[in-house]
């Protein structure tokens, strides 16, 4: 792994943001998007929505790395939790 982290721009819900990823993770993310017939922006948006639904405190770059790792190991990415919580 080269380890040289590079900032890249993506668009999430119409807003441009930057993510910092190693080239190997970026390449794997592009491969996953291609296999799903999705754009990088669409895939990153989906991962960001899952992260928000789980109320994760980590940053988007970390969530992308975990998603790539889960995809490569065959582990299913964690599904978003239901929006409505059951009443007490």
PDB file of N, CA and C in Angstrom:
ATOM      1  N   UNK A   1       0.840  -1.181   0.000  1.00  0.00           N
ATOM      2  CA  UNK A   1       0.000   0.000   0.000  1.00  0.00           C
ATOM      3  C   UNK A   1       0.883   1.241   0.000  1.00  0.00           C
ATOM      4  N   UNK A   2       0.549   2.181  -0.816  1.00  0.00           N
ATOM      5  CA  UNK A   2       1.396   3.364  -0.931  1.00  0.00           C
ATOM      6  C   UNK A   2       1.253   4.300   0.259  1.00  0.00           C
ATOM      7  N   UNK A   3       0.066   4.353   0.838  1.00  0.00           N
ATOM      8  CA  UNK A   3      -0.141   5.179   2.016  1.00  0.00           C
ATOM      9  C   UNK A   3      -0.288   6.664   1.763  1.00  0.00           C
ATOM     10  N   UNK A   4      -0.124   7.110   0.521  1.00  0.00           N
ATOM     11  CA  UNK A   4      -0.250   8.541   0.256  1.00  0.00           C
ATOM     12  C   UNK A   4      -1.725   8.908   0.120  1.00  0.00           C
ATOM     13  N   UNK A   5      -2.230   9.536   1.140  1.00  0.00           N
ATOM     14  CA  UNK A   5      -3.635   9.924   1.161  1.00  0.00           C
ATOM     15  C   UNK A   5      -3.824  11.129   0.246  1.00  0.00           C
ATOM     16  N   UNK A   6      -4.892  11.074  -0.527  1.00  0.00           N
ATOM     17  CA  UNK A   6      -5.183  12.150  -1.473  1.00  0.00           C
ATOM     18  C   UNK A   6      -6.622  12.620  -1.297  1.00  0.00           C
ATOM     19  N   UNK A   7      -6.815  13.924  -1.338  1.00  0.00           N
ATOM     20  CA  UNK A   7      -8.176  14.477  -1.252  1.00  0.00           C
ATOM     21  C   UNK A   7      -8.838  14.394  -2.614  1.00  0.00           C
ATOM     22  N   UNK A   8     -10.100  14.001  -2.590  1.00  0.00           N
ATOM     23  CA  UNK A   8     -10.895  13.928  -3.815  1.00  0.00           C
ATOM     24  C   UNK A   8     -12.240  14.574  -3.541  1.00  0.00           C
ATOM     25  N   UNK A   9     -12.803  15.164  -4.568  1.00  0.00           N
ATOM     26  CA  UNK A   9     -14.101  15.824  -4.433  1.00  0.00           C
ATOM     27  C   UNK A   9     -15.210  14.886  -4.879  1.00  0.00           C
ATOM     28  N   UNK A  10     -16.289  14.890  -4.117  1.00  0.00           N
ATOM     29  CA  UNK A  10     -17.492  14.139  -4.471  1.00  0.00           C
ATOM     30  C   UNK A  10     -18.688  15.047  -4.215  1.00  0.00           C
ATOM     31  N   UNK A  11     -19.814  14.660  -4.782  1.00  0.00           N
ATOM     32  CA  UNK A  11     -21.051  15.422  -4.581  1.00  0.00           C
ATOM     33  C   UNK A  11     -22.035  14.525  -3.851  1.00  0.00           C
ATOM     34  N   UNK A  12     -22.499  15.001  -2.707  1.00  0.00           N
ATOM     35  CA  UNK A  12     -23.480  14.278  -1.901  1.00  0.00           C
ATOM     36  C   UNK A  12     -24.698  15.173  -1.763  1.00  0.00           C
ATOM     37  N   UNK A  13     -25.822  14.683  -2.248  1.00  0.00           N
ATOM     38  CA  UNK A  13     -27.080  15.440  -2.173  1.00  0.00           C
ATOM     39  C   UNK A  13     -26.918  16.858  -2.713  1.00  0.00           C
ATOM     40  N   UNK A  14     -26.200  16.983  -3.825  1.00  0.00           N
ATOM     41  CA  UNK A  14     -26.033  18.276  -4.458  1.00  0.00           C
ATOM     42  C   UNK A  14     -24.962  19.162  -3.858  1.00  0.00           C
ATOM     43  N   UNK A  15     -24.274  18.692  -2.824  1.00  0.00           N
ATOM     44  CA  UNK A  15     -23.242  19.492  -2.165  1.00  0.00           C
ATOM     45  C   UNK A  15     -21.881  18.861  -2.380  1.00  0.00           C
ATOM     46  N   UNK A  16     -20.945  19.675  -2.832  1.00  0.00           N
ATOM     47  CA  UNK A  16     -19.581  19.198  -3.047  1.00  0.00           C
ATOM     48  C   UNK A  16     -18.872  19.099  -1.696  1.00  0.00           C
ATOM     49  N   UNK A  17     -18.185  17.986  -1.501  1.00  0.00           N
ATOM     50  CA  UNK A  17     -17.382  17.795  -0.299  1.00  0.00           C
ATOM     51  C   UNK A  17     -16.120  17.057  -0.692  1.00  0.00           C
ATOM     52  N   UNK A  18     -15.147  17.063   0.178  1.00  0.00           N
ATOM     53  CA  UNK A  18     -13.917  16.337  -0.137  1.00  0.00           C
ATOM     54  C   UNK A  18     -13.735  15.194   0.852  1.00  0.00           C
ATOM     55  N   UNK A  19     -13.141  14.132   0.340  1.00  0.00           N
ATOM     56  CA  UNK A  19     -12.821  12.972   1.162  1.00  0.00           C
ATOM     57  C   UNK A  19     -11.341  12.677   0.979  1.00  0.00           C
ATOM     58  N   UNK A  20     -10.728  12.148   1.991  1.00  0.00           N
ATOM     59  CA  UNK A  20      -9.315  11.797   1.936  1.00  0.00           C
ATOM     60  C   UNK A  20      -9.193  10.284   1.986  1.00  0.00           C
ATOM     61  N   UNK A  21      -8.669   9.716   0.901  1.00  0.00           N
ATOM     62  CA  UNK A  21      -8.506   8.262   0.814  1.00  0.00           C
ATOM     63  C   UNK A  21      -7.181   7.907   0.167  1.00  0.00           C
ATOM     64  N   UNK A  22      -6.642   6.767   0.559  1.00  0.00           N
ATOM     65  CA  UNK A  22      -5.478   6.221  -0.098  1.00  0.00           C
ATOM     66  C   UNK A  22      -5.885   5.777  -1.500  1.00  0.00           C
ATOM     67  N   UNK A  23      -4.956   5.783  -2.454  1.00  0.00           N
ATOM     68  CA  UNK A  23      -5.289   5.399  -3.829  1.00  0.00           C
ATOM     69  C   UNK A  23      -5.907   4.002  -3.930  1.00  0.00           C
ATOM     70  N   UNK A  24      -5.458   3.079  -3.099  1.00  0.00           N
ATOM     71  CA  UNK A  24      -5.984   1.717  -3.147  1.00  0.00           C
ATOM     72  C   UNK A  24      -7.461   1.664  -2.754  1.00  0.00           C
ATOM     73  N   UNK A  25      -7.849   2.440  -1.750  1.00  0.00           N
ATOM     74  CA  UNK A  25      -9.257   2.482  -1.351  1.00  0.00           C
ATOM     75  C   UNK A  25     -10.098   3.169  -2.421  1.00  0.00           C
ATOM     76  N   UNK A  26      -9.560   4.231  -3.020  1.00  0.00           N
ATOM     77  CA  UNK A  26     -10.288   4.935  -4.073  1.00  0.00           C
ATOM     78  C   UNK A  26     -10.521   4.005  -5.257  1.00  0.00           C
ATOM     79  N   UNK A  27      -9.486   3.261  -5.633  1.00  0.00           N
ATOM     80  CA  UNK A  27      -9.597   2.318  -6.745  1.00  0.00           C
ATOM     81  C   UNK A  27     -10.636   1.243  -6.451  1.00  0.00           C
ATOM     82  N   UNK A  28     -10.609   0.703  -5.238  1.00  0.00           N
ATOM     83  CA  UNK A  28     -11.581  -0.326  -4.852  1.00  0.00           C
ATOM     84  C   UNK A  28     -12.993   0.245  -4.850  1.00  0.00           C
ATOM     85  N   UNK A  29     -13.146   1.473  -4.375  1.00  0.00           N
ATOM     86  CA  UNK A  29     -14.461   2.117  -4.357  1.00  0.00           C
ATOM     87  C   UNK A  29     -14.986   2.300  -5.782  1.00  0.00           C
ATOM     88  N   UNK A  30     -14.114   2.706  -6.695  1.00  0.00           N
ATOM     89  CA  UNK A  30     -14.510   2.852  -8.100  1.00  0.00           C
ATOM     90  C   UNK A  30     -14.921   1.506  -8.686  1.00  0.00           C
ATOM     91  N   UNK A  31     -14.198   0.455  -8.343  1.00  0.00           N
ATOM     92  CA  UNK A  31     -14.546  -0.889  -8.835  1.00  0.00           C
ATOM     93  C   UNK A  31     -15.915  -1.326  -8.325  1.00  0.00           C
ATOM     94  N   UNK A  32     -16.173  -1.071  -7.061  1.00  0.00           N
ATOM     95  CA  UNK A  32     -17.474  -1.436  -6.476  1.00  0.00           C
ATOM     96  C   UNK A  32     -18.586  -0.678  -7.180  1.00  0.00           C
ATOM     97  N   UNK A  33     -18.391   0.621  -7.388  1.00  0.00           N
ATOM     98  CA  UNK A  33     -19.404   1.436  -8.078  1.00  0.00           C
ATOM     99  C   UNK A  33     -19.642   0.910  -9.484  1.00  0.00           C
ATOM    100  N   UNK A  34     -18.562   0.598 -10.185  1.00  0.00           N
ATOM    101  CA  UNK A  34     -18.676   0.092 -11.563  1.00  0.00           C
ATOM    102  C   UNK A  34     -19.466  -1.217 -11.592  1.00  0.00           C
ATOM    103  N   UNK A  35     -19.179  -2.125 -10.658  1.00  0.00           N
ATOM    104  CA  UNK A  35     -19.885  -3.407 -10.605  1.00  0.00           C
ATOM    105  C   UNK A  35     -21.367  -3.230 -10.301  1.00  0.00           C
ATOM    106  N   UNK A  36     -21.693  -2.161  -9.604  1.00  0.00           N
ATOM    107  CA  UNK A  36     -23.098  -1.882  -9.255  1.00  0.00           C
ATOM    108  C   UNK A  36     -23.770  -0.979 -10.281  1.00  0.00           C
ATOM    109  N   UNK A  37     -23.050  -0.638 -11.342  1.00  0.00           N
ATOM    110  CA  UNK A  37     -23.558   0.291 -12.353  1.00  0.00           C
ATOM    111  C   UNK A  37     -24.004   1.609 -11.723  1.00  0.00           C
ATOM    112  N   UNK A  38     -23.192   2.093 -10.800  1.00  0.00           N
ATOM    113  CA  UNK A  38     -23.487   3.347 -10.098  1.00  0.00           C
ATOM    114  C   UNK A  38     -22.301   4.296 -10.266  1.00  0.00           C
ATOM    115  N   UNK A  39     -22.568   5.553 -10.075  1.00  0.00           N
ATOM    116  CA  UNK A  39     -21.468   6.523 -10.082  1.00  0.00           C
ATOM    117  C   UNK A  39     -20.817   6.525  -8.695  1.00  0.00           C
ATOM    118  N   UNK A  40     -19.614   7.039  -8.643  1.00  0.00           N
ATOM    119  CA  UNK A  40     -18.938   7.191  -7.345  1.00  0.00           C
ATOM    120  C   UNK A  40     -19.789   8.059  -6.430  1.00  0.00           C
ATOM    121  N   UNK A  41     -20.330   9.155  -6.966  1.00  0.00           N
ATOM    122  CA  UNK A  41     -21.154  10.046  -6.146  1.00  0.00           C
ATOM    123  C   UNK A  41     -22.356   9.326  -5.571  1.00  0.00           C
ATOM    124  N   UNK A  42     -23.010   8.484  -6.378  1.00  0.00           N
ATOM    125  CA  UNK A  42     -24.176   7.737  -5.888  1.00  0.00           C
ATOM    126  C   UNK A  42     -23.784   6.757  -4.787  1.00  0.00           C
ATOM    127  N   UNK A  43     -22.672   6.053  -4.992  1.00  0.00           N
ATOM    128  CA  UNK A  43     -22.226   5.084  -3.984  1.00  0.00           C
ATOM    129  C   UNK A  43     -21.830   5.782  -2.693  1.00  0.00           C
ATOM    130  N   UNK A  44     -21.088   6.876  -2.801  1.00  0.00           N
ATOM    131  CA  UNK A  44     -20.676   7.616  -1.603  1.00  0.00           C
ATOM    132  C   UNK A  44     -21.899   8.180  -0.881  1.00  0.00           C
ATOM    133  N   UNK A  45     -22.883   8.655  -1.636  1.00  0.00           N
ATOM    134  CA  UNK A  45     -24.117   9.161  -1.026  1.00  0.00           C
ATOM    135  C   UNK A  45     -24.829   8.057  -0.253  1.00  0.00           C
ATOM    136  N   UNK A  46     -24.901   6.860  -0.841  1.00  0.00           N
ATOM    137  CA  UNK A  46     -25.549   5.729  -0.175  1.00  0.00           C
ATOM    138  C   UNK A  46     -24.815   5.365   1.121  1.00  0.00           C
ATOM    139  N   UNK A  47     -23.499   5.314   1.069  1.00  0.00           N
ATOM    140  CA  UNK A  47     -22.705   4.990   2.261  1.00  0.00           C
ATOM    141  C   UNK A  47     -22.879   6.070   3.316  1.00  0.00           C
ATOM    142  N   UNK A  48     -22.923   7.319   2.905  1.00  0.00           N
ATOM    143  CA  UNK A  48     -23.122   8.420   3.850  1.00  0.00           C
ATOM    144  C   UNK A  48     -24.493   8.340   4.510  1.00  0.00           C
ATOM    145  N   UNK A  49     -25.510   7.959   3.742  1.00  0.00           N
ATOM    146  CA  UNK A  49     -26.857   7.809   4.315  1.00  0.00           C
ATOM    147  C   UNK A  49     -26.887   6.676   5.340  1.00  0.00           C
ATOM    148  N   UNK A  50     -26.209   5.565   5.040  1.00  0.00           N
ATOM    149  CA  UNK A  50     -26.150   4.455   5.998  1.00  0.00           C
ATOM    150  C   UNK A  50     -25.446   4.897   7.274  1.00  0.00           C
ATOM    151  N   UNK A  51     -24.371   5.654   7.113  1.00  0.00           N
ATOM    152  CA  UNK A  51     -23.616   6.155   8.271  1.00  0.00           C
ATOM    153  C   UNK A  51     -24.483   7.074   9.117  1.00  0.00           C
ATOM    154  N   UNK A  52     -25.229   7.946   8.469  1.00  0.00           N
ATOM    155  CA  UNK A  52     -26.100   8.875   9.198  1.00  0.00           C
ATOM    156  C   UNK A  52     -27.239   8.136   9.891  1.00  0.00           C
ATOM    157  N   UNK A  53     -27.795   7.114   9.223  1.00  0.00           N
ATOM    158  CA  UNK A  53     -28.898   6.352   9.805  1.00  0.00           C
ATOM    159  C   UNK A  53     -28.453   5.604  11.055  1.00  0.00           C
ATOM    160  N   UNK A  54     -27.195   5.210  11.072  1.00  0.00           N
ATOM    161  CA  UNK A  54     -26.665   4.509  12.250  1.00  0.00           C
ATOM    162  C   UNK A  54     -26.138   5.489  13.284  1.00  0.00           C
ATOM    163  N   UNK A  55     -26.199   6.780  12.968  1.00  0.00           N
ATOM    164  CA  UNK A  55     -25.734   7.846  13.862  1.00  0.00           C
ATOM    165  C   UNK A  55     -24.276   7.622  14.266  1.00  0.00           C
ATOM    166  N   UNK A  56     -23.446   7.287  13.267  1.00  0.00           N
ATOM    167  CA  UNK A  56     -22.034   7.049  13.526  1.00  0.00           C
ATOM    168  C   UNK A  56     -21.295   8.367  13.657  1.00  0.00           C
ATOM    169  N   UNK A  57     -20.393   8.423  14.605  1.00  0.00           N
ATOM    170  CA  UNK A  57     -19.634   9.639  14.852  1.00  0.00           C
ATOM    171  C   UNK A  57     -18.418   9.751  13.939  1.00  0.00           C
ATOM    172  N   UNK A  58     -17.976   8.644  13.342  1.00  0.00           N
ATOM    173  CA  UNK A  58     -16.786   8.660  12.493  1.00  0.00           C
ATOM    174  C   UNK A  58     -16.977   9.498  11.253  1.00  0.00           C
ATOM    175  N   UNK A  59     -15.875   9.825  10.615  1.00  0.00           N
ATOM    176  CA  UNK A  59     -15.973  10.654   9.413  1.00  0.00           C
ATOM    177  C   UNK A  59     -16.292   9.811   8.182  1.00  0.00           C
ATOM    178  N   UNK A  60     -16.625  10.473   7.113  1.00  0.00           N
ATOM    179  CA  UNK A  60     -17.041   9.802   5.884  1.00  0.00           C
ATOM    180  C   UNK A  60     -15.913   8.966   5.302  1.00  0.00           C
ATOM    181  N   UNK A  61     -14.693   9.467   5.333  1.00  0.00           N
ATOM    182  CA  UNK A  61     -13.566   8.701   4.795  1.00  0.00           C
ATOM    183  C   UNK A  61     -13.418   7.365   5.511  1.00  0.00           C
ATOM    184  N   UNK A  62     -13.580   7.367   6.810  1.00  0.00           N
ATOM    185  CA  UNK A  62     -13.504   6.117   7.574  1.00  0.00           C
ATOM    186  C   UNK A  62     -14.634   5.175   7.185  1.00  0.00           C
ATOM    187  N   UNK A  63     -15.832   5.715   7.019  1.00  0.00           N
ATOM    188  CA  UNK A  63     -16.974   4.892   6.625  1.00  0.00           C
ATOM    189  C   UNK A  63     -16.736   4.267   5.250  1.00  0.00           C
ATOM    190  N   UNK A  64     -16.107   5.005   4.351  1.00  0.00           N
ATOM    191  CA  UNK A  64     -15.813   4.476   3.014  1.00  0.00           C
ATOM    192  C   UNK A  64     -14.796   3.340   3.104  1.00  0.00           C
ATOM    193  N   UNK A  65     -13.782   3.501   3.933  1.00  0.00           N
ATOM    194  CA  UNK A  65     -12.787   2.439   4.095  1.00  0.00           C
ATOM    195  C   UNK A  65     -13.422   1.168   4.651  1.00  0.00           C
ATOM    196  N   UNK A  66     -14.277   1.317   5.653  1.00  0.00           N
ATOM    197  CA  UNK A  66     -14.950   0.162   6.245  1.00  0.00           C
ATOM    198  C   UNK A  66     -15.841  -0.512   5.203  1.00  0.00           C
ATOM    199  N   UNK A  67     -16.554   0.269   4.424  1.00  0.00           N
ATOM    200  CA  UNK A  67     -17.428  -0.281   3.383  1.00  0.00           C
ATOM    201  C   UNK A  67     -16.616  -1.085   2.377  1.00  0.00           C
ATOM    202  N   UNK A  68     -15.486  -0.542   1.946  1.00  0.00           N
ATOM    203  CA  UNK A  68     -14.624  -1.261   0.997  1.00  0.00           C
ATOM    204  C   UNK A  68     -14.128  -2.557   1.625  1.00  0.00           C
ATOM    205  N   UNK A  69     -13.681  -2.497   2.860  1.00  0.00           N
ATOM    206  CA  UNK A  69     -13.193  -3.693   3.543  1.00  0.00           C
ATOM    207  C   UNK A  69     -14.284  -4.751   3.639  1.00  0.00           C
ATOM    208  N   UNK A  70     -15.485  -4.337   4.032  1.00  0.00           N
ATOM    209  CA  UNK A  70     -16.601  -5.282   4.125  1.00  0.00           C
ATOM    210  C   UNK A  70     -16.918  -5.879   2.760  1.00  0.00           C
ATOM    211  N   UNK A  71     -16.858  -5.078   1.733  1.00  0.00           N
ATOM    212  CA  UNK A  71     -17.148  -5.563   0.386  1.00  0.00           C
ATOM    213  C   UNK A  71     -16.103  -6.574  -0.074  1.00  0.00           C
ATOM    214  N   UNK A  72     -14.847  -6.315   0.227  1.00  0.00           N
ATOM    215  CA  UNK A  72     -13.768  -7.198  -0.207  1.00  0.00           C
ATOM    216  C   UNK A  72     -13.721  -8.503   0.580  1.00  0.00           C
ATOM    217  N   UNK A  73     -14.167  -8.468   1.816  1.00  0.00           N
ATOM    218  CA  UNK A  73     -14.138  -9.678   2.643  1.00  0.00           C
ATOM    219  C   UNK A  73     -15.423 -10.483   2.531  1.00  0.00           C
ATOM    220  N   UNK A  74     -16.387  -9.948   1.813  1.00  0.00           N
ATOM    221  CA  UNK A  74     -17.648 -10.652   1.644  1.00  0.00           C
ATOM    222  C   UNK A  74     -18.631 -10.423   2.778  1.00  0.00           C
ATOM    223  N   UNK A  75     -18.234  -9.615   3.761  1.00  0.00           N
ATOM    224  CA  UNK A  75     -19.147  -9.293   4.859  1.00  0.00           C
ATOM    225  C   UNK A  75     -20.184  -8.305   4.335  1.00  0.00           C
ATOM    226  N   UNK A  76     -21.453  -8.547   4.625  1.00  0.00           N
ATOM    227  CA  UNK A  76     -22.466  -7.597   4.147  1.00  0.00           C
ATOM    228  C   UNK A  76     -22.319  -6.264   4.870  1.00  0.00           C
ATOM    229  N   UNK A  77     -22.343  -5.160   4.123  1.00  0.00           N
ATOM    230  CA  UNK A  77     -22.301  -3.859   4.784  1.00  0.00           C
ATOM    231  C   UNK A  77     -23.482  -3.728   5.740  1.00  0.00           C
ATOM    232  N   UNK A  78     -23.234  -3.124   6.866  1.00  0.00           N
ATOM    233  CA  UNK A  78     -24.291  -2.955   7.858  1.00  0.00           C
ATOM    234  C   UNK A  78     -25.455  -2.182   7.265  1.00  0.00           C
ATOM    235  N   UNK A  79     -26.638  -2.693   7.462  1.00  0.00           N
ATOM    236  CA  UNK A  79     -27.842  -2.040   6.941  1.00  0.00           C
ATOM    237  C   UNK A  79     -28.199  -0.857   7.822  1.00  0.00           C
ATOM    238  N   UNK A  80     -28.804   0.153   7.227  1.00  0.00           N
ATOM    239  CA  UNK A  80     -29.231   1.286   8.050  1.00  0.00           C
ATOM    240  C   UNK A  80     -30.309   0.859   9.039  1.00  0.00           C
ATOM    241  N   UNK A  81     -30.281   1.473  10.183  1.00  0.00           N
ATOM    242  CA  UNK A  81     -31.301   1.171  11.179  1.00  0.00           C
ATOM    243  C   UNK A  81     -32.594   1.835  10.778  1.00  0.00           C
ATOM    244  N   UNK A  82     -33.703   1.353  11.305  1.00  0.00           N
ATOM    245  CA  UNK A  82     -35.006   1.936  10.992  1.00  0.00           C
ATOM    246  C   UNK A  82     -35.056   3.366  11.523  1.00  0.00           C
ATOM    247  N   UNK A  83     -35.698   4.236  10.784  1.00  0.00           N
ATOM    248  CA  UNK A  83     -35.776   5.627  11.172  1.00  0.00           C
ATOM    249  C   UNK A  83     -36.621   5.815  12.429  1.00  0.00           C
ATOM    250  N   UNK A  84     -37.674   5.070  12.533  1.00  0.00           N
ATOM    251  CA  UNK A  84     -38.559   5.206  13.694  1.00  0.00           C
ATOM    252  C   UNK A  84     -38.123   4.240  14.782  1.00  0.00           C
ATOM    253  N   UNK A  85     -38.026   4.745  15.999  1.00  0.00           N
ATOM    254  CA  UNK A  85     -37.673   3.887  17.123  1.00  0.00           C
ATOM    255  C   UNK A  85     -38.963   3.454  17.827  1.00  0.00           C
ATOM    256  N   UNK A  86     -38.995   2.217  18.331  1.00  0.00           N
ATOM    257  CA  UNK A  86     -40.202   1.762  19.012  1.00  0.00           C
ATOM    258  C   UNK A  86     -40.486   2.579  20.267  1.00  0.00           C
ATOM    259  N   UNK A  87     -41.740   2.747  20.552  1.00  0.00           N
ATOM    260  CA  UNK A  87     -42.154   3.491  21.732  1.00  0.00           C
ATOM    261  C   UNK A  87     -41.829   2.694  22.983  1.00  0.00           C
ATOM    262  N   UNK A  88     -41.473   3.388  24.070  1.00  0.00           N
ATOM    263  CA  UNK A  88     -41.125   2.674  25.331  1.00  0.00           C
ATOM    264  C   UNK A  88     -42.312   1.986  25.940  1.00  0.00           C
TER     265      UNK A  88
END
